[in-house]
PDB file of N, CA and C in Angstrom:
ATOM      1  N   MET A   1      -9.425-119.148   5.119  1.00  0.00           N
ATOM      2  CA  MET A   1     -10.703-119.133   4.428  1.00  0.00           C
ATOM      3  C   MET A   1     -11.354-120.505   4.544  1.00  0.00           C
ATOM      4  N   ALA A   2     -12.626-120.535   4.845  1.00  0.00           N
ATOM      5  CA  ALA A   2     -13.355-121.790   5.017  1.00  0.00           C
ATOM      6  C   ALA A   2     -13.631-122.433   3.662  1.00  0.00           C
ATOM      7  N   LEU A   3     -13.548-123.752   3.633  1.00  0.00           N
ATOM      8  CA  LEU A   3     -13.846-124.503   2.423  1.00  0.00           C
ATOM      9  C   LEU A   3     -15.351-124.642   2.238  1.00  0.00           C
ATOM     10  N   SER A   4     -15.784-124.588   1.003  1.00  0.00           N
ATOM     11  CA  SER A   4     -17.171-124.929   0.692  1.00  0.00           C
ATOM     12  C   SER A   4     -17.237-126.448   0.549  1.00  0.00           C
ATOM     13  N   LEU A   5     -18.446-126.992   0.528  1.00  0.00           N
ATOM     14  CA  LEU A   5     -18.600-128.432   0.340  1.00  0.00           C
ATOM     15  C   LEU A   5     -18.017-128.843  -1.008  1.00  0.00           C
ATOM     16  N   ALA A   6     -18.270-128.080  -2.057  1.00  0.00           N
ATOM     17  CA  ALA A   6     -17.740-128.408  -3.387  1.00  0.00           C
ATOM     18  C   ALA A   6     -16.203-128.398  -3.384  1.00  0.00           C
ATOM     19  N   ALA A   7     -15.606-127.406  -2.738  1.00  0.00           N
ATOM     20  CA  ALA A   7     -14.139-127.325  -2.676  1.00  0.00           C
ATOM     21  C   ALA A   7     -13.562-128.494  -1.882  1.00  0.00           C
ATOM     22  N   LEU A   8     -14.191-128.855  -0.774  1.00  0.00           N
ATOM     23  CA  LEU A   8     -13.714-129.972   0.028  1.00  0.00           C
ATOM     24  C   LEU A   8     -13.771-131.269  -0.785  1.00  0.00           C
ATOM     25  N   LYS A   9     -14.869-131.477  -1.503  1.00  0.00           N
ATOM     26  CA  LYS A   9     -15.010-132.691  -2.309  1.00  0.00           C
ATOM     27  C   LYS A   9     -13.916-132.781  -3.373  1.00  0.00           C
ATOM     28  N   ARG A  10     -13.505-131.637  -3.930  1.00  0.00           N
ATOM     29  CA  ARG A  10     -12.432-131.639  -4.941  1.00  0.00           C
ATOM     30  C   ARG A  10     -11.076-132.001  -4.336  1.00  0.00           C
ATOM     31  N   CYS A  11     -10.901-131.767  -3.043  1.00  0.00           N
ATOM     32  CA  CYS A  11      -9.629-132.067  -2.373  1.00  0.00           C
ATOM     33  C   CYS A  11      -9.488-133.539  -1.980  1.00  0.00           C
ATOM     34  N   VAL A  12     -10.597-134.257  -1.902  1.00  0.00           N
ATOM     35  CA  VAL A  12     -10.575-135.652  -1.463  1.00  0.00           C
ATOM     36  C   VAL A  12     -10.137-136.537  -2.623  1.00  0.00           C
ATOM     37  N   LYS A  13      -9.146-137.388  -2.375  1.00  0.00           N
ATOM     38  CA  LYS A  13      -8.574-138.266  -3.410  1.00  0.00           C
ATOM     39  C   LYS A  13      -8.506-139.704  -2.909  1.00  0.00           C
ATOM     40  N   SER A  14      -8.574-140.629  -3.847  1.00  0.00           N
ATOM     41  CA  SER A  14      -8.405-142.043  -3.511  1.00  0.00           C
ATOM     42  C   SER A  14      -7.045-142.252  -2.857  1.00  0.00           C
ATOM     43  N   GLY A  15      -7.012-143.102  -1.850  1.00  0.00           N
ATOM     44  CA  GLY A  15      -5.773-143.401  -1.141  1.00  0.00           C
ATOM     45  C   GLY A  15      -5.536-142.548   0.088  1.00  0.00           C
ATOM     46  N   GLN A  16      -6.281-141.438   0.237  1.00  0.00           N
ATOM     47  CA  GLN A  16      -6.110-140.580   1.414  1.00  0.00           C
ATOM     48  C   GLN A  16      -6.666-141.270   2.660  1.00  0.00           C
ATOM     49  N   ARG A  17      -6.077-140.928   3.772  1.00  0.00           N
ATOM     50  CA  ARG A  17      -6.586-141.404   5.053  1.00  0.00           C
ATOM     51  C   ARG A  17      -7.710-140.472   5.495  1.00  0.00           C
ATOM     52  N   VAL A  18      -8.715-141.047   6.145  1.00  0.00           N
ATOM     53  CA  VAL A  18      -9.813-140.277   6.699  1.00  0.00           C
ATOM     54  C   VAL A  18     -10.162-140.880   8.055  1.00  0.00           C
ATOM     55  N   ASP A  19     -10.331-140.030   9.051  1.00  0.00           N
ATOM     56  CA  ASP A  19     -10.738-140.480  10.382  1.00  0.00           C
ATOM     57  C   ASP A  19     -12.238-140.247  10.503  1.00  0.00           C
ATOM     58  N   VAL A  20     -12.973-141.316  10.788  1.00  0.00           N
ATOM     59  CA  VAL A  20     -14.430-141.271  10.801  1.00  0.00           C
ATOM     60  C   VAL A  20     -14.952-141.427  12.224  1.00  0.00           C
ATOM     61  N   VAL A  21     -15.910-140.569  12.581  1.00  0.00           N
ATOM     62  CA  VAL A  21     -16.669-140.731  13.818  1.00  0.00           C
ATOM     63  C   VAL A  21     -18.112-140.951  13.386  1.00  0.00           C
ATOM     64  N   ASN A  22     -18.640-142.123  13.699  1.00  0.00           N
ATOM     65  CA  ASN A  22     -20.017-142.476  13.368  1.00  0.00           C
ATOM     66  C   ASN A  22     -20.817-142.433  14.660  1.00  0.00           C
ATOM     67  N   TYR A  23     -21.659-141.419  14.787  1.00  0.00           N
ATOM     68  CA  TYR A  23     -22.420-141.242  16.022  1.00  0.00           C
ATOM     69  C   TYR A  23     -23.621-142.188  16.098  1.00  0.00           C
ATOM     70  N   LEU A  24     -24.050-142.737  14.952  1.00  0.00           N
ATOM     71  CA  LEU A  24     -25.164-143.681  14.934  1.00  0.00           C
ATOM     72  C   LEU A  24     -24.701-145.093  15.293  1.00  0.00           C
ATOM     73  N   TYR A  25     -23.561-145.477  14.740  1.00  0.00           N
ATOM     74  CA  TYR A  25     -22.987-146.813  14.968  1.00  0.00           C
ATOM     75  C   TYR A  25     -21.516-146.641  15.349  1.00  0.00           C
ATOM     76  N   PRO A  26     -21.243-146.348  16.614  1.00  0.00           N
ATOM     77  CA  PRO A  26     -19.873-146.034  17.044  1.00  0.00           C
ATOM     78  C   PRO A  26     -18.847-147.119  16.718  1.00  0.00           C
ATOM     79  N   HIS A  27     -19.264-148.374  16.629  1.00  0.00           N
ATOM     80  CA  HIS A  27     -18.312-149.444  16.319  1.00  0.00           C
ATOM     81  C   HIS A  27     -17.764-149.318  14.892  1.00  0.00           C
ATOM     82  N   LEU A  28     -18.375-148.476  14.043  1.00  0.00           N
ATOM     83  CA  LEU A  28     -17.878-148.242  12.693  1.00  0.00           C
ATOM     84  C   LEU A  28     -16.973-147.012  12.615  1.00  0.00           C
ATOM     85  N   SER A  29     -16.665-146.417  13.757  1.00  0.00           N
ATOM     86  CA  SER A  29     -15.760-145.268  13.799  1.00  0.00           C
ATOM     87  C   SER A  29     -14.314-145.747  13.715  1.00  0.00           C
ATOM     88  N   GLY A  30     -13.430-144.858  13.266  1.00  0.00           N
ATOM     89  CA  GLY A  30     -12.008-145.164  13.227  1.00  0.00           C
ATOM     90  C   GLY A  30     -11.377-144.749  11.913  1.00  0.00           C
ATOM     91  N   PRO A  31     -10.093-145.053  11.760  1.00  0.00           N
ATOM     92  CA  PRO A  31      -9.395-144.662  10.530  1.00  0.00           C
ATOM     93  C   PRO A  31      -9.846-145.509   9.346  1.00  0.00           C
ATOM     94  N   ARG A  32      -9.903-144.861   8.208  1.00  0.00           N
ATOM     95  CA  ARG A  32     -10.254-145.524   6.949  1.00  0.00           C
ATOM     96  C   ARG A  32      -9.372-144.977   5.844  1.00  0.00           C
ATOM     97  N   THR A  33      -9.453-145.614   4.698  1.00  0.00           N
ATOM     98  CA  THR A  33      -8.776-145.141   3.499  1.00  0.00           C
ATOM     99  C   THR A  33      -9.825-144.858   2.444  1.00  0.00           C
ATOM    100  N   VAL A  34      -9.697-143.719   1.762  1.00  0.00           N
ATOM    101  CA  VAL A  34     -10.625-143.390   0.685  1.00  0.00           C
ATOM    102  C   VAL A  34     -10.364-144.359  -0.464  1.00  0.00           C
ATOM    103  N   ASP A  35     -11.393-145.091  -0.856  1.00  0.00           N
ATOM    104  CA  ASP A  35     -11.287-146.058  -1.948  1.00  0.00           C
ATOM    105  C   ASP A  35     -11.663-145.417  -3.276  1.00  0.00           C
ATOM    106  N   GLN A  36     -12.759-144.650  -3.268  1.00  0.00           N
ATOM    107  CA  GLN A  36     -13.236-144.040  -4.502  1.00  0.00           C
ATOM    108  C   GLN A  36     -14.027-142.786  -4.162  1.00  0.00           C
ATOM    109  N   VAL A  37     -13.863-141.758  -4.997  1.00  0.00           N
ATOM    110  CA  VAL A  37     -14.606-140.514  -4.822  1.00  0.00           C
ATOM    111  C   VAL A  37     -15.480-140.326  -6.054  1.00  0.00           C
ATOM    112  N   GLN A  38     -16.759-140.119  -5.835  1.00  0.00           N
ATOM    113  CA  GLN A  38     -17.693-139.882  -6.929  1.00  0.00           C
ATOM    114  C   GLN A  38     -18.434-138.582  -6.663  1.00  0.00           C
ATOM    115  N   SER A  39     -19.115-138.079  -7.663  1.00  0.00           N
ATOM    116  CA  SER A  39     -19.841-136.814  -7.489  1.00  0.00           C
ATOM    117  C   SER A  39     -20.962-136.941  -6.469  1.00  0.00           C
ATOM    118  N   ARG A  40     -21.511-138.142  -6.322  1.00  0.00           N
ATOM    119  CA  ARG A  40     -22.630-138.341  -5.397  1.00  0.00           C
ATOM    120  C   ARG A  40     -22.232-138.908  -4.047  1.00  0.00           C
ATOM    121  N   GLY A  41     -21.022-139.413  -3.921  1.00  0.00           N
ATOM    122  CA  GLY A  41     -20.646-140.009  -2.652  1.00  0.00           C
ATOM    123  C   GLY A  41     -19.194-140.438  -2.597  1.00  0.00           C
ATOM    124  N   ILE A  42     -18.873-141.140  -1.530  1.00  0.00           N
ATOM    125  CA  ILE A  42     -17.495-141.560  -1.267  1.00  0.00           C
ATOM    126  C   ILE A  42     -17.513-142.998  -0.740  1.00  0.00           C
ATOM    127  N   LYS A  43     -16.546-143.779  -1.197  1.00  0.00           N
ATOM    128  CA  LYS A  43     -16.373-145.139  -0.695  1.00  0.00           C
ATOM    129  C   LYS A  43     -15.090-145.169   0.123  1.00  0.00           C
ATOM    130  N   THR A  44     -15.178-145.743   1.309  1.00  0.00           N
ATOM    131  CA  THR A  44     -14.004-145.858   2.172  1.00  0.00           C
ATOM    132  C   THR A  44     -13.831-147.302   2.608  1.00  0.00           C
ATOM    133  N   CYS A  45     -12.598-147.662   2.949  1.00  0.00           N
ATOM    134  CA  CYS A  45     -12.279-149.007   3.419  1.00  0.00           C
ATOM    135  C   CYS A  45     -11.743-148.939   4.834  1.00  0.00           C
ATOM    136  N   ILE A  46     -12.235-149.853   5.653  1.00  0.00           N
ATOM    137  CA  ILE A  46     -11.696-150.034   6.995  1.00  0.00           C
ATOM    138  C   ILE A  46     -10.621-151.103   6.875  1.00  0.00           C
ATOM    139  N   GLY A  47      -9.470-150.892   7.506  1.00  0.00           N
ATOM    140  CA  GLY A  47      -8.376-151.850   7.428  1.00  0.00           C
ATOM    141  C   GLY A  47      -8.830-153.282   7.667  1.00  0.00           C
ATOM    142  N   GLY A  48      -8.469-154.173   6.767  1.00  0.00           N
ATOM    143  CA  GLY A  48      -8.802-155.579   6.928  1.00  0.00           C
ATOM    144  C   GLY A  48     -10.120-155.990   6.300  1.00  0.00           C
ATOM    145  N   GLN A  49     -10.954-155.030   5.899  1.00  0.00           N
ATOM    146  CA  GLN A  49     -12.226-155.371   5.251  1.00  0.00           C
ATOM    147  C   GLN A  49     -12.075-155.266   3.745  1.00  0.00           C
ATOM    148  N   GLU A  50     -12.650-156.221   3.048  1.00  0.00           N
ATOM    149  CA  GLU A  50     -12.564-156.207   1.591  1.00  0.00           C
ATOM    150  C   GLU A  50     -13.617-155.305   0.962  1.00  0.00           C
ATOM    151  N   LYS A  51     -14.804-155.260   1.567  1.00  0.00           N
ATOM    152  CA  LYS A  51     -15.916-154.512   0.975  1.00  0.00           C
ATOM    153  C   LYS A  51     -15.891-153.060   1.451  1.00  0.00           C
ATOM    154  N   PRO A  52     -15.787-152.100   0.511  1.00  0.00           N
ATOM    155  CA  PRO A  52     -15.807-150.690   0.906  1.00  0.00           C
ATOM    156  C   PRO A  52     -17.178-150.275   1.432  1.00  0.00           C
ATOM    157  N   ILE A  53     -17.189-149.209   2.222  1.00  0.00           N
ATOM    158  CA  ILE A  53     -18.419-148.643   2.764  1.00  0.00           C
ATOM    159  C   ILE A  53     -18.747-147.393   1.951  1.00  0.00           C
ATOM    160  N   TRP A  54     -19.957-147.326   1.443  1.00  0.00           N
ATOM    161  CA  TRP A  54     -20.417-146.206   0.618  1.00  0.00           C
ATOM    162  C   TRP A  54     -21.267-145.259   1.464  1.00  0.00           C
ATOM    163  N   ILE A  55     -21.052-143.964   1.291  1.00  0.00           N
ATOM    164  CA  ILE A  55     -21.923-142.960   1.903  1.00  0.00           C
ATOM    165  C   ILE A  55     -22.092-141.817   0.911  1.00  0.00           C
ATOM    166  N   ALA A  56     -23.328-141.378   0.754  1.00  0.00           N
ATOM    167  CA  ALA A  56     -23.613-140.245  -0.134  1.00  0.00           C
ATOM    168  C   ALA A  56     -23.126-138.952   0.513  1.00  0.00           C
ATOM    169  N   TRP A  57     -22.616-138.037  -0.318  1.00  0.00           N
ATOM    170  CA  TRP A  57     -22.240-136.730   0.198  1.00  0.00           C
ATOM    171  C   TRP A  57     -23.492-136.056   0.746  1.00  0.00           C
ATOM    172  N   PRO A  58     -23.363-135.276   1.812  1.00  0.00           N
ATOM    173  CA  PRO A  58     -24.541-134.549   2.308  1.00  0.00           C
ATOM    174  C   PRO A  58     -24.859-133.389   1.373  1.00  0.00           C
ATOM    175  N   LYS A  59     -26.097-132.981   1.366  1.00  0.00           N
ATOM    176  CA  LYS A  59     -26.462-131.746   0.669  1.00  0.00           C
ATOM    177  C   LYS A  59     -25.874-130.594   1.488  1.00  0.00           C
ATOM    178  N   ALA A  60     -25.536-129.512   0.830  1.00  0.00           N
ATOM    179  CA  ALA A  60     -24.864-128.391   1.508  1.00  0.00           C
ATOM    180  C   ALA A  60     -25.584-127.923   2.776  1.00  0.00           C
ATOM    181  N   PRO A  61     -26.924-127.789   2.771  1.00  0.00           N
ATOM    182  CA  PRO A  61     -27.582-127.333   4.009  1.00  0.00           C
ATOM    183  C   PRO A  61     -27.500-128.346   5.157  1.00  0.00           C
ATOM    184  N   LEU A  62     -27.155-129.596   4.828  1.00  0.00           N
ATOM    185  CA  LEU A  62     -27.064-130.637   5.853  1.00  0.00           C
ATOM    186  C   LEU A  62     -25.613-130.997   6.147  1.00  0.00           C
ATOM    187  N   SER A  63     -24.720-130.040   5.915  1.00  0.00           N
ATOM    188  CA  SER A  63     -23.303-130.275   6.196  1.00  0.00           C
ATOM    189  C   SER A  63     -22.729-129.084   6.951  1.00  0.00           C
ATOM    190  N   ARG A  64     -21.656-129.355   7.659  1.00  0.00           N
ATOM    191  CA  ARG A  64     -20.885-128.301   8.320  1.00  0.00           C
ATOM    192  C   ARG A  64     -19.424-128.677   8.153  1.00  0.00           C
ATOM    193  N   ILE A  65     -18.599-127.711   7.783  1.00  0.00           N
ATOM    194  CA  ILE A  65     -17.177-127.958   7.555  1.00  0.00           C
ATOM    195  C   ILE A  65     -16.377-127.139   8.549  1.00  0.00           C
ATOM    196  N   GLU A  66     -15.461-127.828   9.229  1.00  0.00           N
ATOM    197  CA  GLU A  66     -14.538-127.187  10.166  1.00  0.00           C
ATOM    198  C   GLU A  66     -13.140-127.655   9.790  1.00  0.00           C
ATOM    199  N   GLY A  67     -12.367-126.771   9.155  1.00  0.00           N
ATOM    200  CA  GLY A  67     -11.038-127.169   8.683  1.00  0.00           C
ATOM    201  C   GLY A  67     -11.177-128.223   7.594  1.00  0.00           C
ATOM    202  N   THR A  68     -10.646-129.432   7.843  1.00  0.00           N
ATOM    203  CA  THR A  68     -10.779-130.528   6.884  1.00  0.00           C
ATOM    204  C   THR A  68     -11.765-131.588   7.383  1.00  0.00           C
ATOM    205  N   THR A  69     -12.608-131.201   8.338  1.00  0.00           N
ATOM    206  CA  THR A  69     -13.629-132.121   8.864  1.00  0.00           C
ATOM    207  C   THR A  69     -14.985-131.771   8.277  1.00  0.00           C
ATOM    208  N   LEU A  70     -15.624-132.779   7.705  1.00  0.00           N
ATOM    209  CA  LEU A  70     -16.962-132.647   7.161  1.00  0.00           C
ATOM    210  C   LEU A  70     -17.928-133.356   8.095  1.00  0.00           C
ATOM    211  N   HIS A  71     -18.936-132.621   8.561  1.00  0.00           N
ATOM    212  CA  HIS A  71     -19.968-133.186   9.423  1.00  0.00           C
ATOM    213  C   HIS A  71     -21.255-133.361   8.614  1.00  0.00           C
ATOM    214  N   TRP A  72     -21.850-134.534   8.702  1.00  0.00           N
ATOM    215  CA  TRP A  72     -23.175-134.800   8.140  1.00  0.00           C
ATOM    216  C   TRP A  72     -24.174-134.468   9.242  1.00  0.00           C
ATOM    217  N   LEU A  73     -25.159-133.615   8.960  1.00  0.00           N
ATOM    218  CA  LEU A  73     -26.122-133.186   9.966  1.00  0.00           C
ATOM    219  C   LEU A  73     -27.459-133.896   9.771  1.00  0.00           C
ATOM    220  N   ASP A  74     -28.158-134.074  10.861  1.00  0.00           N
ATOM    221  CA  ASP A  74     -29.485-134.689  10.850  1.00  0.00           C
ATOM    222  C   ASP A  74     -30.464-133.726  10.167  1.00  0.00           C
ATOM    223  N   GLU A  75     -31.250-134.236   9.249  1.00  0.00           N
ATOM    224  CA  GLU A  75     -32.199-133.402   8.511  1.00  0.00           C
ATOM    225  C   GLU A  75     -33.257-132.779   9.416  1.00  0.00           C
ATOM    226  N   GLU A  76     -33.676-133.502  10.436  1.00  0.00           N
ATOM    227  CA  GLU A  76     -34.722-133.002  11.329  1.00  0.00           C
ATOM    228  C   GLU A  76     -34.187-132.152  12.475  1.00  0.00           C
ATOM    229  N   ASN A  77     -32.914-132.330  12.818  1.00  0.00           N
ATOM    230  CA  ASN A  77     -32.299-131.576  13.909  1.00  0.00           C
ATOM    231  C   ASN A  77     -30.872-131.230  13.493  1.00  0.00           C
ATOM    232  N   LYS A  78     -30.699-130.077  12.861  1.00  0.00           N
ATOM    233  CA  LYS A  78     -29.397-129.713  12.296  1.00  0.00           C
ATOM    234  C   LYS A  78     -28.311-129.472  13.343  1.00  0.00           C
ATOM    235  N   ALA A  79     -28.683-129.473  14.608  1.00  0.00           N
ATOM    236  CA  ALA A  79     -27.683-129.361  15.677  1.00  0.00           C
ATOM    237  C   ALA A  79     -27.060-130.731  15.966  1.00  0.00           C
ATOM    238  N   ARG A  80     -27.674-131.800  15.459  1.00  0.00           N
ATOM    239  CA  ARG A  80     -27.198-133.167  15.706  1.00  0.00           C
ATOM    240  C   ARG A  80     -26.297-133.629  14.556  1.00  0.00           C
ATOM    241  N   ILE A  81     -25.096-134.064  14.902  1.00  0.00           N
ATOM    242  CA  ILE A  81     -24.145-134.584  13.917  1.00  0.00           C
ATOM    243  C   ILE A  81     -24.320-136.098  13.829  1.00  0.00           C
ATOM    244  N   LEU A  82     -24.446-136.604  12.597  1.00  0.00           N
ATOM    245  CA  LEU A  82     -24.576-138.045  12.383  1.00  0.00           C
ATOM    246  C   LEU A  82     -23.214-138.699  12.162  1.00  0.00           C
ATOM    247  N   PHE A  83     -22.393-138.071  11.301  1.00  0.00           N
ATOM    248  CA  PHE A  83     -21.063-138.582  10.974  1.00  0.00           C
ATOM    249  C   PHE A  83     -20.100-137.406  10.885  1.00  0.00           C
ATOM    250  N   SER A  84     -18.839-137.651  11.198  1.00  0.00           N
ATOM    251  CA  SER A  84     -17.772-136.672  10.985  1.00  0.00           C
ATOM    252  C   SER A  84     -16.624-137.380  10.281  1.00  0.00           C
ATOM    253  N   PHE A  85     -16.191-136.825   9.164  1.00  0.00           N
ATOM    254  CA  PHE A  85     -15.052-137.349   8.413  1.00  0.00           C
ATOM    255  C   PHE A  85     -13.968-136.276   8.440  1.00  0.00           C
ATOM    256  N   THR A  86     -12.818-136.612   9.004  1.00  0.00           N
ATOM    257  CA  THR A  86     -11.676-135.694   8.993  1.00  0.00           C
ATOM    258  C   THR A  86     -10.687-136.194   7.963  1.00  0.00           C
ATOM    259  N   PHE A  87     -10.546-135.439   6.884  1.00  0.00           N
ATOM    260  CA  PHE A  87      -9.681-135.836   5.776  1.00  0.00           C
ATOM    261  C   PHE A  87      -8.264-135.348   6.018  1.00  0.00           C
ATOM    262  N   GLN A  88      -7.305-136.084   5.506  1.00  0.00           N
ATOM    263  CA  GLN A  88      -5.887-135.775   5.696  1.00  0.00           C
ATOM    264  C   GLN A  88      -5.327-135.034   4.492  1.00  0.00           C
ATOM    265  N   PHE A  89      -5.680-133.768   4.378  1.00  0.00           N
ATOM    266  CA  PHE A  89      -5.081-132.883   3.388  1.00  0.00           C
ATOM    267  C   PHE A  89      -5.010-131.500   4.013  1.00  0.00           C
ATOM    268  N   THR A  90      -4.262-130.616   3.399  1.00  0.00           N
ATOM    269  CA  THR A  90      -4.093-129.269   3.937  1.00  0.00           C
ATOM    270  C   THR A  90      -5.156-128.364   3.352  1.00  0.00           C
ATOM    271  N   ALA A  91      -5.956-127.751   4.197  1.00  0.00           N
ATOM    272  CA  ALA A  91      -6.976-126.804   3.744  1.00  0.00           C
ATOM    273  C   ALA A  91      -6.291-125.504   3.357  1.00  0.00           C
ATOM    274  N   GLU A  92      -6.609-124.991   2.200  1.00  0.00           N
ATOM    275  CA  GLU A  92      -5.985-123.752   1.731  1.00  0.00           C
ATOM    276  C   GLU A  92      -6.891-122.573   1.937  1.00  0.00           C
TER     277      GLU A  92
END
């Protein structure tokens, strides 16, 4: 069964590993650790950096979920993926 955005957000916990693909700024892609989960967004840390990176959760129409991967979609072109976060938990 596919996860909804709300269900996926409930599965994300501080300390989990997340693999990020940033299609806008590829140099910011790579493994991260979830620092904090909030209702409006998520903070992640890249190894060796002190300052976490904040990103707002996408609105449901601007997201696509495949397994444990959340894709942020471009508002003007929903076929274009801006970011992909693959979380390390088991999808039920």
